[in-house]
Amino acid sequence: MKPLSVIAMFGVMTLISVASGEAAGKIERACLQSDRPAANRVLCGCIQDAADLTLTSSDQKLAAKFFRDPHKAQEIRQSDRRSHEKFWQRYKNFGATAEAFCSR
């Protein structure tokens, strides 16, 4: 997908979320509840938007656990399970997307 297309889709997702009054997603809630000093509604909302573009609902549920237990991410990354390997590929894509859209 071309960067401009991704940016446009990201903007549409944000507008839909705001217009519908959608409650915070799993990733956003985990981010806001974390002890990270940079966590705020704007950043965590942006990260949630990236998750909505790149992760399934079940992926988001698993990824949200990483905020409370960072070691869980390491366990998943090193797992021999094929499902974990597939998840990790999607998670890396999510991370790259969030970094591109949310780091300012």
C-alpha atoms as a PDB file:
ATOM      1  CA  MET A   1       0.000   0.000   0.000  1.00  0.00           C
ATOM      2  CA  LYS A   2       1.357   3.417  -0.920  1.00  0.00           C
ATOM      3  CA  PRO A   3       2.135   5.796   1.965  1.00  0.00           C
ATOM      4  CA  LEU A   4      -0.438   8.365   0.830  1.00  0.00           C
ATOM      5  CA  SER A   5      -3.148   5.696   0.712  1.00  0.00           C
ATOM      6  CA  VAL A   6      -2.243   4.572   4.224  1.00  0.00           C
ATOM      7  CA  ILE A   7      -2.329   8.144   5.494  1.00  0.00           C
ATOM      8  CA  ALA A   8      -5.750   8.712   3.889  1.00  0.00           C
ATOM      9  CA  MET A   9      -7.103   5.475   5.360  1.00  0.00           C
ATOM     10  CA  PHE A  10      -5.651   6.411   8.760  1.00  0.00           C
ATOM     11  CA  GLY A  11      -7.422   9.782   8.601  1.00  0.00           C
ATOM     12  CA  VAL A  12     -10.742   8.181   7.681  1.00  0.00           C
ATOM     13  CA  MET A  13     -10.439   5.687  10.553  1.00  0.00           C
ATOM     14  CA  THR A  14      -9.755   8.560  12.965  1.00  0.00           C
ATOM     15  CA  LEU A  15     -12.749  10.543  11.720  1.00  0.00           C
ATOM     16  CA  ILE A  16     -15.034   7.515  11.990  1.00  0.00           C
ATOM     17  CA  SER A  17     -13.854   6.857  15.541  1.00  0.00           C
ATOM     18  CA  VAL A  18     -14.367  10.474  16.605  1.00  0.00           C
ATOM     19  CA  ALA A  19     -17.700  10.881  14.809  1.00  0.00           C
ATOM     20  CA  SER A  20     -19.146   7.702  16.245  1.00  0.00           C
ATOM     21  CA  GLY A  21     -17.999   8.509  19.776  1.00  0.00           C
ATOM     22  CA  GLU A  22     -16.360   5.097  19.840  1.00  0.00           C
ATOM     23  CA  ALA A  23     -14.980   4.166  23.233  1.00  0.00           C
ATOM     24  CA  ALA A  24     -11.263   3.636  23.686  1.00  0.00           C
ATOM     25  CA  GLY A  25      -9.972   0.393  22.242  1.00  0.00           C
ATOM     26  CA  LYS A  26      -7.974  -2.286  23.994  1.00  0.00           C
ATOM     27  CA  ILE A  27      -4.599  -0.841  23.026  1.00  0.00           C
ATOM     28  CA  GLU A  28      -5.566   2.730  23.917  1.00  0.00           C
ATOM     29  CA  ARG A  29      -6.861   1.692  27.354  1.00  0.00           C
ATOM     30  CA  ALA A  30      -3.729  -0.350  28.067  1.00  0.00           C
ATOM     31  CA  CYS A  31      -1.552   2.532  26.930  1.00  0.00           C
ATOM     32  CA  LEU A  32      -3.378   5.060  29.127  1.00  0.00           C
ATOM     33  CA  GLN A  33      -3.212   2.739  32.142  1.00  0.00           C
ATOM     34  CA  SER A  34       0.501   2.095  31.695  1.00  0.00           C
ATOM     35  CA  ASP A  35       3.132   3.819  33.794  1.00  0.00           C
ATOM     36  CA  ARG A  36       4.862   5.293  30.753  1.00  0.00           C
ATOM     37  CA  PRO A  37       5.461   9.036  31.174  1.00  0.00           C
ATOM     38  CA  ALA A  38       4.662   9.862  27.528  1.00  0.00           C
ATOM     39  CA  ALA A  39       1.266   8.137  27.640  1.00  0.00           C
ATOM     40  CA  ASN A  40      -1.539  10.595  26.945  1.00  0.00           C
ATOM     41  CA  ARG A  41      -4.897  10.504  25.192  1.00  0.00           C
ATOM     42  CA  VAL A  42      -3.580  11.843  21.874  1.00  0.00           C
ATOM     43  CA  LEU A  43      -0.619   9.462  21.635  1.00  0.00           C
ATOM     44  CA  CYS A  44      -2.516   6.430  22.919  1.00  0.00           C
ATOM     45  CA  GLY A  45      -5.415   7.205  20.577  1.00  0.00           C
ATOM     46  CA  CYS A  46      -3.019   7.420  17.654  1.00  0.00           C
ATOM     47  CA  ILE A  47      -1.485   4.071  18.614  1.00  0.00           C
ATOM     48  CA  GLN A  48      -5.004   2.596  18.791  1.00  0.00           C
ATOM     49  CA  ASP A  49      -5.745   3.904  15.296  1.00  0.00           C
ATOM     50  CA  ALA A  50      -2.591   2.176  14.020  1.00  0.00           C
ATOM     51  CA  ALA A  51      -3.713  -1.023  15.767  1.00  0.00           C
ATOM     52  CA  ASP A  52      -7.150  -0.774  14.146  1.00  0.00           C
ATOM     53  CA  LEU A  53      -5.463  -0.602  10.742  1.00  0.00           C
ATOM     54  CA  THR A  54      -3.045  -3.478  11.271  1.00  0.00           C
ATOM     55  CA  LEU A  55      -4.242  -5.872  13.995  1.00  0.00           C
ATOM     56  CA  THR A  56      -7.291  -8.060  14.443  1.00  0.00           C
ATOM     57  CA  SER A  57      -9.354  -7.749  17.604  1.00  0.00           C
ATOM     58  CA  SER A  58      -7.728 -10.855  19.074  1.00  0.00           C
ATOM     59  CA  ASP A  59      -4.279  -9.503  18.123  1.00  0.00           C
ATOM     60  CA  GLN A  60      -5.125  -6.285  19.969  1.00  0.00           C
ATOM     61  CA  LYS A  61      -6.204  -8.212  23.034  1.00  0.00           C
ATOM     62  CA  LEU A  62      -2.857 -10.017  23.131  1.00  0.00           C
ATOM     63  CA  ALA A  63      -0.822  -6.889  22.337  1.00  0.00           C
ATOM     64  CA  ALA A  64      -2.587  -4.914  25.087  1.00  0.00           C
ATOM     65  CA  LYS A  65      -1.174  -7.393  27.601  1.00  0.00           C
ATOM     66  CA  PHE A  66       2.340  -6.284  26.654  1.00  0.00           C
ATOM     67  CA  PHE A  67       1.764  -2.930  28.377  1.00  0.00           C
ATOM     68  CA  ARG A  68       1.318  -4.676  31.744  1.00  0.00           C
ATOM     69  CA  ASP A  69       3.750  -7.508  31.127  1.00  0.00           C
ATOM     70  CA  PRO A  70       6.518  -6.598  28.643  1.00  0.00           C
ATOM     71  CA  HIS A  71       8.083 -10.022  29.143  1.00  0.00           C
ATOM     72  CA  LYS A  72       4.994 -11.544  27.510  1.00  0.00           C
ATOM     73  CA  ALA A  73       6.068  -9.912  24.238  1.00  0.00           C
ATOM     74  CA  GLN A  74       9.444 -11.617  24.490  1.00  0.00           C
ATOM     75  CA  GLU A  75       7.774 -14.978  25.126  1.00  0.00           C
ATOM     76  CA  ILE A  76       5.534 -14.582  22.075  1.00  0.00           C
ATOM     77  CA  ARG A  77       8.425 -13.417  19.896  1.00  0.00           C
ATOM     78  CA  GLN A  78      10.543 -16.428  20.843  1.00  0.00           C
ATOM     79  CA  SER A  79       7.712 -18.953  20.693  1.00  0.00           C
ATOM     80  CA  ASP A  80       7.896 -21.838  18.230  1.00  0.00           C
ATOM     81  CA  ARG A  81       4.152 -21.750  17.599  1.00  0.00           C
ATOM     82  CA  ARG A  82       3.216 -20.843  14.035  1.00  0.00           C
ATOM     83  CA  SER A  83       0.327 -18.682  15.254  1.00  0.00           C
ATOM     84  CA  HIS A  84       2.733 -16.647  17.393  1.00  0.00           C
ATOM     85  CA  GLU A  85       5.080 -16.239  14.438  1.00  0.00           C
ATOM     86  CA  LYS A  86       2.215 -14.908  12.280  1.00  0.00           C
ATOM     87  CA  PHE A  87       1.060 -12.641  15.103  1.00  0.00           C
ATOM     88  CA  TRP A  88       4.590 -11.285  15.541  1.00  0.00           C
ATOM     89  CA  GLN A  89       4.769 -10.358  11.850  1.00  0.00           C
ATOM     90  CA  ARG A  90       1.504  -8.418  12.190  1.00  0.00           C
ATOM     91  CA  TYR A  91       2.702  -6.876  15.465  1.00  0.00           C
ATOM     92  CA  LYS A  92       5.925  -5.622  13.841  1.00  0.00           C
ATOM     93  CA  ASN A  93       3.849  -4.065  11.069  1.00  0.00           C
ATOM     94  CA  PHE A  94       1.667  -2.428  13.727  1.00  0.00           C
ATOM     95  CA  GLY A  95       4.763  -1.059  15.476  1.00  0.00           C
ATOM     96  CA  ALA A  96       6.149   0.408  12.268  1.00  0.00           C
ATOM     97  CA  THR A  97       2.759   1.928  11.417  1.00  0.00           C
ATOM     98  CA  ALA A  98       2.350   3.442  14.884  1.00  0.00           C
ATOM     99  CA  GLU A  99       5.868   4.839  14.788  1.00  0.00           C
ATOM    100  CA  ALA A 100       5.314   6.405  11.355  1.00  0.00           C
ATOM    101  CA  PHE A 101       1.969   7.984  12.296  1.00  0.00           C
ATOM    102  CA  CYS A 102       2.410   8.806  15.964  1.00  0.00           C
ATOM    103  CA  SER A 103       6.010   9.920  16.491  1.00  0.00           C
ATOM    104  CA  ARG A 104       6.217  13.682  16.300  1.00  0.00           C
END
